[in-house]
Amino acid sequence: MNRPDFAELSRFVTYAQKRFKLPLLAGGFADARPQPQIPSRAVGLSLLLGEVAQIQGFLPLQAETQLPQWQRWVGYAHPK
């Protein structure tokens, strides 16, 4: 994602956190995995942000999730 797109996405995340209490809503994301390596909240938020940013596919989305800013947005730092 280029810098202007990233700045717009950052503004969207800030707005969604304030207006819709995004972290609270994301706490409702759940699945049936007994011991997930990646929390369902982080997966759900990444999919939502990927849709907002119009990322075309899972591989490009995976690359974006490696960015420290993205990890802060979803509340999960990927293990290296």
Protein backbone atom coordinates (compact mmCIF):
# COMPACT_ATOMS: atom_id res chain seq x y z
CA MET A 1 0.00 0.00 0.00
CA ASN A 2 1.40 3.39 -0.86
CA ARG A 3 1.77 6.23 1.63
CA PRO A 4 -1.38 8.24 0.72
CA ASP A 5 -3.54 5.10 0.95
CA PHE A 6 -1.93 4.19 4.25
CA ALA A 7 -2.65 7.66 5.65
CA GLU A 8 -6.29 7.40 4.60
CA LEU A 9 -6.59 3.98 6.18
CA SER A 10 -5.03 5.36 9.35
CA ARG A 11 -7.66 8.11 9.43
CA PHE A 12 -10.40 5.51 8.89
CA VAL A 13 -9.12 3.38 11.77
CA THR A 14 -9.01 6.42 14.07
CA TYR A 15 -12.54 7.41 13.05
CA ALA A 16 -13.89 3.86 13.46
CA GLN A 17 -12.30 3.54 16.88
CA LYS A 18 -13.90 6.78 18.07
CA ARG A 19 -17.26 6.61 16.32
CA PHE A 20 -18.06 2.89 16.38
CA LYS A 21 -15.84 1.74 19.25
CA LEU A 22 -14.13 -0.65 16.85
CA PRO A 23 -12.00 -2.45 19.48
CA LEU A 24 -15.14 -3.24 21.48
CA LEU A 25 -17.00 -4.49 18.42
CA ALA A 26 -14.02 -6.56 17.35
CA GLY A 27 -14.09 -8.34 20.69
CA GLY A 28 -17.23 -10.06 19.41
CA PHE A 29 -15.33 -11.81 16.62
CA ALA A 30 -15.11 -15.47 17.59
CA ASP A 31 -14.69 -18.88 16.06
CA ALA A 32 -14.57 -22.50 17.15
CA ARG A 33 -10.79 -22.93 17.26
CA PRO A 34 -9.82 -24.26 20.71
CA GLN A 35 -6.30 -22.70 20.85
CA PRO A 36 -5.76 -20.37 17.90
CA GLN A 37 -2.26 -19.17 17.07
CA ILE A 38 -3.72 -15.89 15.82
CA PRO A 39 -6.67 -14.42 17.75
CA SER A 40 -9.93 -14.27 15.82
CA ARG A 41 -10.19 -10.57 16.67
CA ALA A 42 -6.97 -9.85 14.73
CA VAL A 43 -8.13 -11.98 11.80
CA GLY A 44 -11.51 -10.26 11.66
CA LEU A 45 -10.04 -6.77 11.88
CA SER A 46 -7.44 -7.58 9.22
CA LEU A 47 -10.16 -8.82 6.86
CA LEU A 48 -12.25 -5.72 7.53
CA LEU A 49 -9.32 -3.37 6.97
CA GLY A 50 -8.30 -5.34 3.88
CA GLU A 51 -11.78 -4.78 2.45
CA VAL A 52 -11.75 -1.08 3.30
CA ALA A 53 -8.30 -0.70 1.71
CA GLN A 54 -9.45 -2.79 -1.28
CA ILE A 55 -6.53 -5.21 -1.02
CA GLN A 56 -6.93 -7.71 -3.84
CA GLY A 57 -6.30 -11.13 -2.30
CA PHE A 58 -4.92 -12.93 0.71
CA LEU A 59 -1.23 -12.80 -0.25
CA PRO A 60 -1.17 -8.99 -0.54
CA LEU A 61 -3.18 -8.81 2.70
CA GLN A 62 -0.65 -11.07 4.39
CA ALA A 63 2.14 -8.72 3.31
CA GLU A 64 0.26 -5.72 4.75
CA THR A 65 -0.24 -7.46 8.09
CA GLN A 66 3.54 -7.54 8.54
CA LEU A 67 3.64 -3.75 8.86
CA PRO A 68 3.99 -2.51 12.46
CA GLN A 69 1.19 0.04 12.02
CA TRP A 70 -1.20 -2.66 10.81
CA GLN A 71 -0.28 -4.83 13.80
CA ARG A 72 -1.06 -1.95 16.16
CA TRP A 73 -4.44 -1.42 14.47
CA VAL A 74 -5.50 -5.04 14.94
CA GLY A 75 -3.86 -5.45 18.35
CA TYR A 76 -1.65 -8.38 17.43
CA ALA A 77 2.06 -8.44 16.66
CA HIS A 78 3.03 -11.34 14.44
CA PRO A 79 5.77 -13.54 15.83
CA LYS A 80 8.92 -13.29 13.74
